């Protein structure tokens, strides 16, 4: 019996680094936590074509840190993350402006937002953490996925 090429204790770190690299290239990744799966894309890099593809896949949410939510005058109730529902009228440029504080003076009026009143899950916090690891703004477009759909999407992408 041969030893695995990559030691077991390094596999998780390698997977995190690959996911961070994909996010930097604006490639969505799928996170899994138990029976929960979440497609994650960096909000600051969203382009119109990708946004339309993601919208066709299902109902999107925009996930922000509580600090960014506070700057945008969104109630965060002390939660570590805030999710807002995507609106079909929201353009890719508007989503980038929500994510990026350097655009606040260029796009001063944002909202109104449909805030999803729910505690952030571990997978939501992991998505924001992974974006930070990728050295991106901690703001994500997320799409909750059923486990079988997540597995099919992952298999289709290699």
N, C-alpha and C. Protein backbone atom coordinates (compact mmCIF):
# COMPACT_ATOMS: atom_id res chain seq x y z
N UNK A 1 0.85 -1.18 0.00
CA UNK A 1 0.00 0.00 0.00
C UNK A 1 0.90 1.25 0.00
N UNK A 2 0.64 2.16 -0.92
CA UNK A 2 1.47 3.34 -1.01
C UNK A 2 0.89 4.48 -0.17
N UNK A 3 1.78 5.40 0.20
CA UNK A 3 1.35 6.56 0.97
C UNK A 3 0.71 7.58 0.03
N UNK A 4 -0.27 8.36 0.53
CA UNK A 4 -0.86 9.38 -0.32
C UNK A 4 0.18 10.43 -0.70
N UNK A 5 0.03 10.98 -1.89
CA UNK A 5 0.97 11.99 -2.38
C UNK A 5 0.99 13.22 -1.47
N UNK A 6 -0.19 13.65 -1.03
CA UNK A 6 -0.30 14.80 -0.13
C UNK A 6 -0.68 14.29 1.25
N UNK A 7 0.12 14.61 2.25
CA UNK A 7 -0.21 14.16 3.61
C UNK A 7 -1.60 14.67 4.03
N UNK A 8 -2.30 13.85 4.76
CA UNK A 8 -3.66 14.16 5.19
C UNK A 8 -3.76 15.50 5.90
N UNK A 9 -2.80 15.81 6.75
CA UNK A 9 -2.88 17.05 7.53
C UNK A 9 -2.72 18.31 6.66
N UNK A 10 -2.28 18.17 5.42
CA UNK A 10 -2.12 19.33 4.54
C UNK A 10 -3.28 19.52 3.56
N UNK A 11 -4.11 18.52 3.42
CA UNK A 11 -5.18 18.59 2.41
C UNK A 11 -6.14 19.75 2.63
N UNK A 12 -6.53 19.98 3.88
CA UNK A 12 -7.47 21.06 4.16
C UNK A 12 -6.85 22.43 3.85
N UNK A 13 -5.59 22.62 4.21
CA UNK A 13 -4.91 23.89 3.92
C UNK A 13 -4.78 24.11 2.42
N UNK A 14 -4.48 23.05 1.69
CA UNK A 14 -4.36 23.16 0.24
C UNK A 14 -5.72 23.51 -0.38
N UNK A 15 -6.77 22.89 0.10
CA UNK A 15 -8.12 23.18 -0.41
C UNK A 15 -8.50 24.64 -0.15
N UNK A 16 -8.17 25.15 1.05
CA UNK A 16 -8.45 26.56 1.37
C UNK A 16 -7.67 27.49 0.45
N UNK A 17 -6.40 27.19 0.23
CA UNK A 17 -5.57 28.03 -0.64
C UNK A 17 -6.08 28.02 -2.08
N UNK A 18 -6.50 26.87 -2.55
CA UNK A 18 -7.05 26.78 -3.92
C UNK A 18 -8.34 27.58 -4.03
N UNK A 19 -9.20 27.47 -3.03
CA UNK A 19 -10.46 28.22 -3.04
C UNK A 19 -10.18 29.72 -3.02
N UNK A 20 -9.22 30.16 -2.21
CA UNK A 20 -8.86 31.58 -2.16
C UNK A 20 -8.33 32.05 -3.51
N UNK A 21 -7.51 31.25 -4.15
CA UNK A 21 -6.98 31.60 -5.47
C UNK A 21 -8.10 31.70 -6.50
N UNK A 22 -9.05 30.78 -6.44
CA UNK A 22 -10.19 30.84 -7.36
C UNK A 22 -10.99 32.12 -7.14
N UNK A 23 -11.25 32.47 -5.90
CA UNK A 23 -12.00 33.70 -5.61
C UNK A 23 -11.27 34.93 -6.13
N UNK A 24 -9.95 34.97 -5.99
CA UNK A 24 -9.17 36.11 -6.51
C UNK A 24 -9.32 36.24 -8.03
N UNK A 25 -9.54 35.11 -8.70
CA UNK A 25 -9.74 35.12 -10.16
C UNK A 25 -11.21 35.30 -10.52
N UNK A 26 -12.04 35.59 -9.53
CA UNK A 26 -13.48 35.80 -9.70
C UNK A 26 -14.22 34.52 -10.08
N UNK A 27 -13.67 33.39 -9.68
CA UNK A 27 -14.32 32.09 -9.91
C UNK A 27 -15.07 31.71 -8.64
N UNK A 28 -16.37 31.50 -8.72
CA UNK A 28 -17.13 31.09 -7.53
C UNK A 28 -16.64 29.75 -7.00
N UNK A 29 -16.78 29.57 -5.69
CA UNK A 29 -16.42 28.30 -5.05
C UNK A 29 -17.63 27.79 -4.28
N UNK A 30 -17.62 26.50 -3.99
CA UNK A 30 -18.69 25.89 -3.20
C UNK A 30 -18.12 25.50 -1.85
N UNK A 31 -18.74 26.02 -0.79
CA UNK A 31 -18.37 25.65 0.57
C UNK A 31 -19.40 24.65 1.07
N UNK A 32 -18.94 23.72 1.88
CA UNK A 32 -19.85 22.72 2.47
C UNK A 32 -19.63 22.68 3.98
N UNK A 33 -20.73 22.52 4.70
CA UNK A 33 -20.69 22.35 6.15
C UNK A 33 -21.81 21.39 6.51
N UNK A 34 -21.44 20.13 6.71
CA UNK A 34 -22.46 19.12 6.97
C UNK A 34 -23.33 18.95 5.75
N UNK A 35 -24.63 19.09 5.91
CA UNK A 35 -25.56 18.98 4.79
C UNK A 35 -25.85 20.30 4.11
N UNK A 36 -25.14 21.36 4.50
CA UNK A 36 -25.35 22.69 3.94
C UNK A 36 -24.26 22.99 2.92
N UNK A 37 -24.66 23.58 1.80
CA UNK A 37 -23.69 23.99 0.78
C UNK A 37 -24.02 25.41 0.34
N UNK A 38 -22.98 26.15 -0.01
CA UNK A 38 -23.13 27.55 -0.37
C UNK A 38 -22.18 27.87 -1.50
N UNK A 39 -22.72 28.37 -2.61
CA UNK A 39 -21.88 28.87 -3.69
C UNK A 39 -21.50 30.29 -3.32
N UNK A 40 -20.22 30.62 -3.39
CA UNK A 40 -19.70 31.92 -2.95
C UNK A 40 -18.95 32.58 -4.09
N UNK A 41 -19.26 33.85 -4.35
CA UNK A 41 -18.55 34.64 -5.35
C UNK A 41 -18.20 35.99 -4.72
N UNK A 42 -17.04 36.54 -5.04
CA UNK A 42 -16.67 37.84 -4.46
C UNK A 42 -17.52 38.97 -5.04
N UNK A 43 -18.20 39.71 -4.17
CA UNK A 43 -19.08 40.79 -4.62
C UNK A 43 -18.31 41.91 -5.30
N UNK A 44 -17.09 42.17 -4.87
CA UNK A 44 -16.33 43.28 -5.44
C UNK A 44 -15.90 43.02 -6.88
N UNK A 45 -15.92 41.77 -7.32
CA UNK A 45 -15.46 41.43 -8.67
C UNK A 45 -16.58 41.01 -9.60
N UNK A 46 -17.83 41.10 -9.16
CA UNK A 46 -18.95 40.62 -9.96
C UNK A 46 -19.08 41.41 -11.27
N UNK A 47 -19.32 40.69 -12.33
CA UNK A 47 -19.53 41.28 -13.65
C UNK A 47 -20.95 40.96 -14.10
N UNK A 48 -21.51 41.74 -15.01
CA UNK A 48 -22.91 41.53 -15.42
C UNK A 48 -23.21 40.11 -15.91
N UNK A 49 -22.35 39.53 -16.72
CA UNK A 49 -22.62 38.19 -17.25
C UNK A 49 -22.66 37.15 -16.13
N UNK A 50 -21.70 37.24 -15.19
CA UNK A 50 -21.69 36.30 -14.05
C UNK A 50 -22.92 36.50 -13.19
N UNK A 51 -23.29 37.74 -12.97
CA UNK A 51 -24.46 38.02 -12.13
C UNK A 51 -25.71 37.39 -12.73
N UNK A 52 -25.89 37.51 -14.04
CA UNK A 52 -27.06 36.91 -14.68
C UNK A 52 -27.04 35.39 -14.57
N UNK A 53 -25.87 34.78 -14.74
CA UNK A 53 -25.76 33.32 -14.58
C UNK A 53 -26.13 32.89 -13.17
N UNK A 54 -25.60 33.61 -12.19
CA UNK A 54 -25.89 33.27 -10.80
C UNK A 54 -27.38 33.45 -10.50
N UNK A 55 -27.97 34.50 -11.02
CA UNK A 55 -29.41 34.74 -10.77
C UNK A 55 -30.26 33.63 -11.37
N UNK A 56 -29.86 33.11 -12.51
CA UNK A 56 -30.62 32.01 -13.12
C UNK A 56 -30.51 30.74 -12.28
N UNK A 57 -29.44 30.62 -11.50
CA UNK A 57 -29.23 29.41 -10.69
C UNK A 57 -30.11 29.39 -9.44
N UNK A 58 -30.59 30.55 -9.01
CA UNK A 58 -31.43 30.57 -7.82
C UNK A 58 -31.38 31.91 -7.11
N UNK A 59 -32.08 32.02 -5.98
CA UNK A 59 -32.15 33.30 -5.26
C UNK A 59 -30.82 33.63 -4.57
N UNK A 60 -30.24 34.72 -4.98
CA UNK A 60 -28.96 35.17 -4.42
C UNK A 60 -29.16 36.01 -3.17
N UNK A 61 -28.13 36.01 -2.35
CA UNK A 61 -28.05 36.92 -1.21
C UNK A 61 -26.70 37.63 -1.29
N UNK A 62 -26.64 38.81 -0.74
CA UNK A 62 -25.38 39.52 -0.61
C UNK A 62 -25.02 39.49 0.86
N UNK A 63 -23.87 38.97 1.16
CA UNK A 63 -23.43 38.78 2.53
C UNK A 63 -22.35 39.81 2.85
N UNK A 64 -22.56 40.57 3.92
CA UNK A 64 -21.65 41.64 4.33
C UNK A 64 -21.27 41.48 5.80
N UNK A 65 -20.15 42.07 6.18
CA UNK A 65 -19.79 42.10 7.59
C UNK A 65 -20.68 43.11 8.30
N UNK A 66 -20.76 42.98 9.62
CA UNK A 66 -21.59 43.94 10.38
C UNK A 66 -21.01 45.34 10.27
N UNK A 67 -19.68 45.45 10.13
CA UNK A 67 -19.06 46.78 10.01
C UNK A 67 -19.51 47.47 8.72
N UNK A 68 -19.51 46.73 7.62
CA UNK A 68 -19.94 47.32 6.35
C UNK A 68 -21.44 47.63 6.41
N UNK A 69 -22.21 46.75 7.02
CA UNK A 69 -23.64 46.99 7.16
C UNK A 69 -23.89 48.28 7.96
N UNK A 70 -23.11 48.50 9.01
CA UNK A 70 -23.28 49.71 9.82
C UNK A 70 -22.98 50.96 9.00
N UNK A 71 -21.93 50.92 8.19
CA UNK A 71 -21.59 52.06 7.33
C UNK A 71 -22.73 52.35 6.36
N UNK A 72 -23.38 51.29 5.88
CA UNK A 72 -24.49 51.45 4.93
C UNK A 72 -25.82 51.70 5.64
N UNK A 73 -25.76 51.91 6.96
CA UNK A 73 -26.95 52.20 7.79
C UNK A 73 -27.96 51.06 7.79
N UNK A 74 -27.45 49.83 7.73
CA UNK A 74 -28.32 48.65 7.83
C UNK A 74 -28.31 48.16 9.26
N UNK A 75 -29.46 47.82 9.82
CA UNK A 75 -29.45 47.26 11.17
C UNK A 75 -28.81 45.87 11.16
N UNK A 76 -27.86 45.67 12.08
CA UNK A 76 -27.18 44.36 12.11
C UNK A 76 -27.46 43.59 13.39
N UNK A 77 -28.09 44.23 14.35
CA UNK A 77 -28.47 43.60 15.62
C UNK A 77 -27.30 42.90 16.31
N UNK A 78 -26.09 43.42 16.12
CA UNK A 78 -24.91 42.84 16.76
C UNK A 78 -24.41 41.57 16.10
N UNK A 79 -25.02 41.16 15.02
CA UNK A 79 -24.60 39.93 14.33
C UNK A 79 -23.28 40.17 13.61
N UNK A 80 -22.53 39.10 13.42
CA UNK A 80 -21.22 39.22 12.76
C UNK A 80 -21.35 39.43 11.26
N UNK A 81 -22.47 39.05 10.68
CA UNK A 81 -22.69 39.21 9.24
C UNK A 81 -24.16 39.54 9.00
N UNK A 82 -24.39 40.22 7.89
CA UNK A 82 -25.74 40.60 7.49
C UNK A 82 -25.95 40.14 6.06
N UNK A 83 -27.10 39.54 5.80
CA UNK A 83 -27.44 39.12 4.44
C UNK A 83 -28.58 39.99 3.92
N UNK A 84 -28.44 40.42 2.68
CA UNK A 84 -29.53 41.15 2.04
C UNK A 84 -29.94 40.37 0.79
N UNK A 85 -31.22 40.44 0.49
CA UNK A 85 -31.74 39.74 -0.69
C UNK A 85 -31.34 40.51 -1.94
N UNK A 86 -30.95 39.77 -2.95
CA UNK A 86 -30.65 40.36 -4.25
C UNK A 86 -31.96 40.84 -4.86
N UNK A 87 -31.91 41.97 -5.53
CA UNK A 87 -33.07 42.48 -6.25
C UNK A 87 -32.74 42.45 -7.74
N UNK A 88 -33.67 42.03 -8.58
CA UNK A 88 -33.39 41.97 -10.02
C UNK A 88 -32.95 43.31 -10.61
N UNK A 89 -33.37 44.40 -9.98
CA UNK A 89 -32.99 45.73 -10.48
C UNK A 89 -31.56 46.12 -10.09
N UNK A 90 -30.94 45.36 -9.20
CA UNK A 90 -29.60 45.67 -8.74
C UNK A 90 -28.57 45.27 -9.81
N UNK A 91 -27.80 46.23 -10.26
CA UNK A 91 -26.79 45.95 -11.29
C UNK A 91 -25.51 45.42 -10.65
N UNK A 92 -24.63 44.90 -11.48
CA UNK A 92 -23.33 44.44 -10.99
C UNK A 92 -22.57 45.62 -10.39
N UNK A 93 -22.66 46.79 -11.01
CA UNK A 93 -21.98 47.98 -10.49
C UNK A 93 -22.53 48.36 -9.11
N UNK A 94 -23.84 48.23 -8.93
CA UNK A 94 -24.44 48.54 -7.63
C UNK A 94 -23.97 47.56 -6.56
N UNK A 95 -23.84 46.29 -6.92
CA UNK A 95 -23.36 45.29 -5.96
C UNK A 95 -21.91 45.56 -5.61
N UNK A 96 -21.10 45.92 -6.60
CA UNK A 96 -19.70 46.26 -6.31
C UNK A 96 -19.63 47.47 -5.39
N UNK A 97 -20.52 48.44 -5.59
CA UNK A 97 -20.54 49.63 -4.73
C UNK A 97 -20.96 49.30 -3.31
N UNK A 98 -21.87 48.35 -3.15
CA UNK A 98 -22.28 47.92 -1.80
C UNK A 98 -21.09 47.28 -1.09
N UNK A 99 -20.30 46.51 -1.83
CA UNK A 99 -19.18 45.78 -1.24
C UNK A 99 -17.98 46.67 -0.92
N UNK A 100 -17.75 47.67 -1.74
CA UNK A 100 -16.48 48.40 -1.72
C UNK A 100 -16.62 49.79 -1.11
N UNK A 101 -16.02 50.01 0.06
CA UNK A 101 -16.12 51.33 0.70
C UNK A 101 -15.45 52.45 -0.10
N UNK A 102 -14.52 52.13 -0.99
CA UNK A 102 -13.88 53.18 -1.78
C UNK A 102 -14.84 53.76 -2.82
N UNK A 103 -15.97 53.13 -3.03
CA UNK A 103 -16.96 53.63 -4.00
C UNK A 103 -18.07 54.43 -3.32
N UNK A 104 -17.98 54.61 -2.02
CA UNK A 104 -19.07 55.28 -1.30
C UNK A 104 -19.32 56.70 -1.79
N UNK A 105 -18.27 57.43 -2.15
CA UNK A 105 -18.47 58.80 -2.64
C UNK A 105 -18.91 58.82 -4.10
N UNK A 106 -18.55 57.79 -4.86
CA UNK A 106 -18.96 57.72 -6.26
C UNK A 106 -20.43 57.33 -6.39
N UNK A 107 -20.88 56.47 -5.50
CA UNK A 107 -22.27 55.99 -5.49
C UNK A 107 -22.81 56.22 -4.08
N UNK A 108 -23.16 57.48 -3.75
CA UNK A 108 -23.50 57.78 -2.36
C UNK A 108 -24.83 57.20 -1.88
N UNK A 109 -25.81 57.08 -2.75
CA UNK A 109 -27.12 56.59 -2.31
C UNK A 109 -27.28 55.13 -2.68
N UNK A 110 -27.42 54.31 -1.66
CA UNK A 110 -27.61 52.88 -1.87
C UNK A 110 -28.87 52.46 -1.12
N UNK A 111 -29.55 51.45 -1.62
CA UNK A 111 -30.73 50.96 -0.93
C UNK A 111 -31.99 51.43 -1.61
N UNK A 112 -33.14 51.14 -1.05
CA UNK A 112 -33.35 50.38 0.19
C UNK A 112 -33.01 48.90 -0.01
N UNK A 113 -32.69 48.25 1.10
CA UNK A 113 -32.28 46.86 1.07
C UNK A 113 -33.31 45.99 1.77
N UNK A 114 -33.49 44.79 1.25
CA UNK A 114 -34.34 43.79 1.89
C UNK A 114 -33.42 42.92 2.75
N UNK A 115 -33.32 43.27 4.02
CA UNK A 115 -32.42 42.55 4.92
C UNK A 115 -33.06 41.24 5.34
N UNK A 116 -32.28 40.18 5.29
CA UNK A 116 -32.75 38.86 5.72
C UNK A 116 -32.48 38.76 7.21
N UNK A 117 -33.54 38.72 7.99
CA UNK A 117 -33.42 38.75 9.45
C UNK A 117 -33.16 37.34 9.98
N UNK A 118 -31.89 36.94 9.94
CA UNK A 118 -31.51 35.61 10.42
C UNK A 118 -30.08 35.67 10.95
N UNK A 119 -29.82 34.85 11.94
CA UNK A 119 -28.46 34.74 12.47
C UNK A 119 -27.55 34.18 11.38
N UNK A 120 -26.34 34.72 11.25
CA UNK A 120 -25.41 34.14 10.28
C UNK A 120 -25.00 32.73 10.72
N UNK A 121 -24.92 31.85 9.75
CA UNK A 121 -24.51 30.47 10.04
C UNK A 121 -22.99 30.37 9.97
N UNK A 122 -22.47 29.27 10.46
CA UNK A 122 -21.02 29.05 10.41
C UNK A 122 -20.52 29.12 8.97
N UNK A 123 -21.29 28.61 8.03
CA UNK A 123 -20.86 28.61 6.63
C UNK A 123 -20.83 30.05 6.07
N UNK A 124 -21.72 30.93 6.55
CA UNK A 124 -21.69 32.33 6.14
C UNK A 124 -20.42 33.01 6.65
N UNK A 125 -20.10 32.76 7.91
CA UNK A 125 -18.88 33.34 8.48
C UNK A 125 -17.64 32.79 7.77
N UNK A 126 -17.69 31.50 7.40
CA UNK A 126 -16.57 30.89 6.68
C UNK A 126 -16.39 31.53 5.31
N UNK A 127 -17.49 31.87 4.65
CA UNK A 127 -17.40 32.52 3.34
C UNK A 127 -16.68 33.86 3.45
N UNK A 128 -17.05 34.66 4.44
CA UNK A 128 -16.39 35.96 4.63
C UNK A 128 -14.93 35.78 5.02
N UNK A 129 -14.65 34.80 5.84
CA UNK A 129 -13.28 34.52 6.25
C UNK A 129 -12.42 34.10 5.05
N UNK A 130 -12.98 33.29 4.18
CA UNK A 130 -12.25 32.85 2.99
C UNK A 130 -11.96 34.02 2.06
N UNK A 131 -12.90 34.95 1.94
CA UNK A 131 -12.64 36.14 1.13
C UNK A 131 -11.50 36.97 1.72
N UNK A 132 -11.48 37.09 3.04
CA UNK A 132 -10.36 37.80 3.68
C UNK A 132 -9.04 37.09 3.40
N UNK A 133 -9.06 35.77 3.50
CA UNK A 133 -7.86 34.97 3.24
C UNK A 133 -7.36 35.20 1.80
N UNK A 134 -8.31 35.42 0.89
CA UNK A 134 -7.97 35.68 -0.51
C UNK A 134 -7.55 37.14 -0.72
N UNK A 135 -7.53 37.92 0.36
CA UNK A 135 -7.20 39.34 0.33
C UNK A 135 -8.20 40.14 -0.52
N UNK A 136 -9.46 39.74 -0.39
CA UNK A 136 -10.56 40.44 -1.04
C UNK A 136 -11.44 41.06 0.04
N UNK A 137 -12.30 41.98 -0.37
CA UNK A 137 -13.23 42.56 0.58
C UNK A 137 -14.18 41.49 1.09
N UNK A 138 -14.48 41.48 2.38
CA UNK A 138 -15.39 40.46 2.92
C UNK A 138 -16.85 40.77 2.61
N UNK A 139 -17.18 40.62 1.34
CA UNK A 139 -18.55 40.81 0.85
C UNK A 139 -18.75 39.79 -0.26
N UNK A 140 -19.80 39.00 -0.14
CA UNK A 140 -19.98 37.89 -1.07
C UNK A 140 -21.38 37.86 -1.66
N UNK A 141 -21.45 37.37 -2.88
CA UNK A 141 -22.71 36.93 -3.45
C UNK A 141 -22.79 35.46 -3.10
N UNK A 142 -23.86 35.05 -2.47
CA UNK A 142 -23.98 33.65 -2.06
C UNK A 142 -25.29 33.06 -2.57
N UNK A 143 -25.22 31.78 -2.87
CA UNK A 143 -26.38 31.03 -3.34
C UNK A 143 -26.45 29.74 -2.55
N UNK A 144 -27.45 29.61 -1.66
CA UNK A 144 -27.60 28.35 -0.93
C UNK A 144 -27.92 27.22 -1.91
N UNK A 145 -27.29 26.07 -1.71
CA UNK A 145 -27.47 24.92 -2.60
C UNK A 145 -27.87 23.69 -1.81
N UNK A 146 -28.70 22.87 -2.42
CA UNK A 146 -28.97 21.55 -1.86
C UNK A 146 -27.72 20.71 -2.10
N UNK A 147 -27.44 19.77 -1.21
CA UNK A 147 -26.20 18.99 -1.29
C UNK A 147 -26.05 18.27 -2.62
N UNK A 148 -27.14 17.69 -3.15
CA UNK A 148 -27.02 16.97 -4.42
C UNK A 148 -26.71 17.92 -5.58
N UNK A 149 -27.27 19.12 -5.54
CA UNK A 149 -26.96 20.11 -6.58
C UNK A 149 -25.53 20.61 -6.45
N UNK A 150 -25.06 20.79 -5.22
CA UNK A 150 -23.67 21.21 -5.00
C UNK A 150 -22.71 20.16 -5.54
N UNK A 151 -23.01 18.89 -5.28
CA UNK A 151 -22.15 17.81 -5.77
C UNK A 151 -22.14 17.79 -7.30
N UNK A 152 -23.30 17.99 -7.92
CA UNK A 152 -23.38 18.00 -9.38
C UNK A 152 -22.60 19.17 -9.97
N UNK A 153 -22.72 20.35 -9.35
CA UNK A 153 -21.99 21.52 -9.83
C UNK A 153 -20.49 21.33 -9.67
N UNK A 154 -20.07 20.79 -8.54
CA UNK A 154 -18.65 20.55 -8.31
C UNK A 154 -18.10 19.54 -9.32
N UNK A 155 -18.87 18.50 -9.61
CA UNK A 155 -18.43 17.49 -10.57
C UNK A 155 -18.34 18.08 -11.98
N UNK A 156 -19.27 18.96 -12.32
CA UNK A 156 -19.27 19.58 -13.65
C UNK A 156 -18.08 20.51 -13.84
N UNK A 157 -17.61 21.09 -12.75
CA UNK A 157 -16.48 22.03 -12.82
C UNK A 157 -15.14 21.34 -12.66
N UNK A 158 -15.16 20.07 -12.41
CA UNK A 158 -13.90 19.33 -12.28
C UNK A 158 -13.48 19.30 -10.89
